[in-house]
Amino acid sequence: MERIITVINDYRPDAGSVCLGVSCHLRRRPAGREVRDLLKEKDITHQIRSVLKTFGIFHYKNHGGLGSAPGLPDITGCLKDGRGFWIEVKTDKGRLSPHQERFIQNINDAGGLAFVARSVDDVIEKLDLKKESNYD
């Protein structure tokens, strides 16, 4: 089965709005499955990074490996007001490992902002981007 995902990312500062869309086309789509169920973690990560880039928010994708801390979230960034944030990207059915839970808790306990995002909407809500864009 071939999966084709298209991300539409249209930010219009003059109109103060953001239009985000995702379409997923399948050849032989399984009955009863939602488009959201078909998105993989890398697809959600790509959508989130597109939104962050649209808003001009500095961020980067963390690539775990030798020497990285266990549980390090997928995306690290800094808002325009200087606050840092960390995003752990999961699918609707994805679960956090104990290391990931502990890492997120440690950041939040220290006054940082770390959270799990299962969609672009989670990021818009947690980073309070709605007020910047009039996104509804």
Protein backbone atom coordinates (compact mmCIF):
# COMPACT_ATOMS: atom_id res chain seq x y z
CA MET A 1 0.00 0.00 0.00
CA GLU A 2 1.42 3.37 -0.98
CA ARG A 3 0.84 6.37 1.27
CA ILE A 4 1.05 9.91 -0.10
CA ILE A 5 0.87 12.77 2.40
CA THR A 6 0.62 16.41 1.44
CA VAL A 7 1.17 19.19 3.99
CA ILE A 8 -0.24 22.60 3.17
CA ASN A 9 1.29 25.40 5.19
CA ASP A 10 0.08 28.89 4.33
CA TYR A 11 0.91 31.73 6.70
CA ARG A 12 -0.44 35.13 5.79
CA PRO A 13 0.90 37.78 8.16
CA ASP A 14 -1.07 40.53 6.43
CA ALA A 15 -4.31 38.66 7.13
CA GLY A 16 -3.08 37.43 10.50
CA SER A 17 -3.99 33.86 9.77
CA VAL A 18 -2.52 30.44 9.29
CA CYS A 19 -4.01 27.75 7.12
CA LEU A 20 -2.74 24.26 7.78
CA GLY A 21 -3.93 21.19 6.01
CA VAL A 22 -2.98 17.60 5.63
CA SER A 23 -4.25 15.26 3.02
CA CYS A 24 -3.41 11.61 2.85
CA HIS A 25 -4.09 9.49 -0.20
CA LEU A 26 -3.82 5.75 -0.17
CA ARG A 27 -4.05 3.12 -2.75
CA ARG A 28 -6.30 0.47 -1.20
CA ARG A 29 -7.11 2.37 1.99
CA PRO A 30 -8.08 -0.01 4.79
CA ALA A 31 -11.71 0.31 5.81
CA GLY A 32 -12.46 2.25 8.97
CA ARG A 33 -9.03 3.91 9.43
CA GLU A 34 -8.78 7.64 9.88
CA VAL A 35 -6.13 9.72 8.12
CA ARG A 36 -4.67 10.58 11.52
CA ASP A 37 -4.17 6.87 12.24
CA LEU A 38 -2.07 6.60 9.09
CA LEU A 39 0.36 9.38 9.98
CA LYS A 40 3.71 8.24 11.25
CA GLU A 41 5.75 10.07 13.87
CA LYS A 42 8.07 11.47 11.18
CA ASP A 43 5.04 12.91 9.31
CA ILE A 44 3.80 14.67 12.45
CA THR A 45 7.34 15.92 13.17
CA HIS A 46 7.54 17.36 9.65
CA GLN A 47 4.19 19.15 10.08
CA ILE A 48 5.25 20.60 13.45
CA ARG A 49 8.58 21.79 12.09
CA SER A 50 6.81 23.44 9.14
CA VAL A 51 4.58 25.41 11.52
CA LEU A 52 7.52 26.44 13.71
CA LYS A 53 9.42 27.58 10.62
CA THR A 54 6.38 29.52 9.39
CA PHE A 55 6.24 31.40 12.69
CA GLY A 56 9.98 32.07 12.57
CA ILE A 57 10.61 30.08 15.74
CA PHE A 58 14.17 28.78 16.15
CA HIS A 59 14.17 25.01 16.61
CA TYR A 60 16.01 21.87 15.62
CA LYS A 61 15.38 18.14 15.44
CA ASN A 62 17.25 16.12 18.03
CA HIS A 63 18.84 12.96 16.69
CA GLY A 64 19.39 10.52 19.50
CA GLY A 65 22.50 8.43 19.44
CA LEU A 66 25.72 7.79 21.22
CA GLY A 67 26.23 10.43 23.88
CA SER A 68 22.69 11.83 23.88
CA ALA A 69 20.66 11.81 27.07
CA PRO A 70 18.08 9.01 27.34
CA GLY A 71 14.59 10.38 26.77
CA LEU A 72 15.71 13.56 24.96
CA PRO A 73 12.60 14.98 23.21
CA ASP A 74 12.42 15.06 19.41
CA ILE A 75 12.40 18.85 18.94
CA THR A 76 14.17 21.59 20.90
CA GLY A 77 13.53 25.27 20.32
CA CYS A 78 13.49 28.79 21.68
CA LEU A 79 10.52 31.15 21.49
CA LYS A 80 11.00 34.79 20.53
CA ASP A 81 10.70 35.82 24.20
CA GLY A 82 13.68 33.60 25.08
CA ARG A 83 11.80 30.68 26.64
CA GLY A 84 13.07 27.27 25.65
CA PHE A 85 10.77 24.40 24.74
CA TRP A 86 11.06 20.67 24.09
CA ILE A 87 8.54 18.61 22.13
CA GLU A 88 8.22 14.85 22.22
CA VAL A 89 6.31 13.79 19.10
CA LYS A 90 4.03 10.77 19.30
CA THR A 91 1.29 9.27 17.17
CA ASP A 92 -2.19 8.92 18.65
CA LYS A 93 -1.28 5.43 19.83
CA GLY A 94 2.35 6.17 20.73
CA ARG A 95 3.44 5.81 24.36
CA LEU A 96 6.22 7.52 26.26
CA SER A 97 9.09 5.47 27.60
CA PRO A 98 9.95 5.89 31.30
CA HIS A 99 13.07 7.87 30.24
CA GLN A 100 10.93 10.23 28.13
CA GLU A 101 8.42 10.74 30.95
CA ARG A 102 11.23 11.53 33.40
CA PHE A 103 13.01 13.90 30.96
CA ILE A 104 9.82 15.88 30.30
CA GLN A 105 9.03 16.01 34.02
CA ASN A 106 12.56 17.23 34.86
CA ILE A 107 12.33 20.06 32.31
CA ASN A 108 8.92 21.17 33.58
CA ASP A 109 10.03 20.94 37.22
CA ALA A 110 12.98 23.22 36.38
CA GLY A 111 10.63 25.85 34.91
CA GLY A 112 11.02 24.90 31.25
CA LEU A 113 8.28 23.93 28.82
CA ALA A 114 8.23 20.32 27.66
CA PHE A 115 5.23 18.41 26.34
CA VAL A 116 3.99 15.60 24.12
CA ALA A 117 2.53 16.61 20.75
CA ARG A 118 0.34 14.23 18.79
CA SER A 119 -0.61 16.87 16.23
CA VAL A 120 0.15 20.41 15.08
CA ASP A 121 -2.84 21.57 17.14
CA ASP A 122 -1.09 20.46 20.35
CA VAL A 123 1.91 22.65 19.49
CA ILE A 124 -0.23 25.66 18.58
CA GLU A 125 -2.05 25.33 21.92
CA LYS A 126 0.99 24.69 24.14
CA LEU A 127 3.16 27.41 22.58
CA ASP A 128 0.19 29.79 22.54
CA LEU A 129 0.57 30.47 18.82
CA LYS A 130 -3.15 30.99 18.43
CA LYS A 131 -2.93 34.59 19.64
CA GLU A 132 -0.10 35.35 17.18
CA SER A 133 -1.99 34.08 14.17
CA ASN A 134 -5.72 34.25 14.92
CA TYR A 135 -5.66 30.55 14.07
CA ASP A 136 -9.08 28.95 14.67
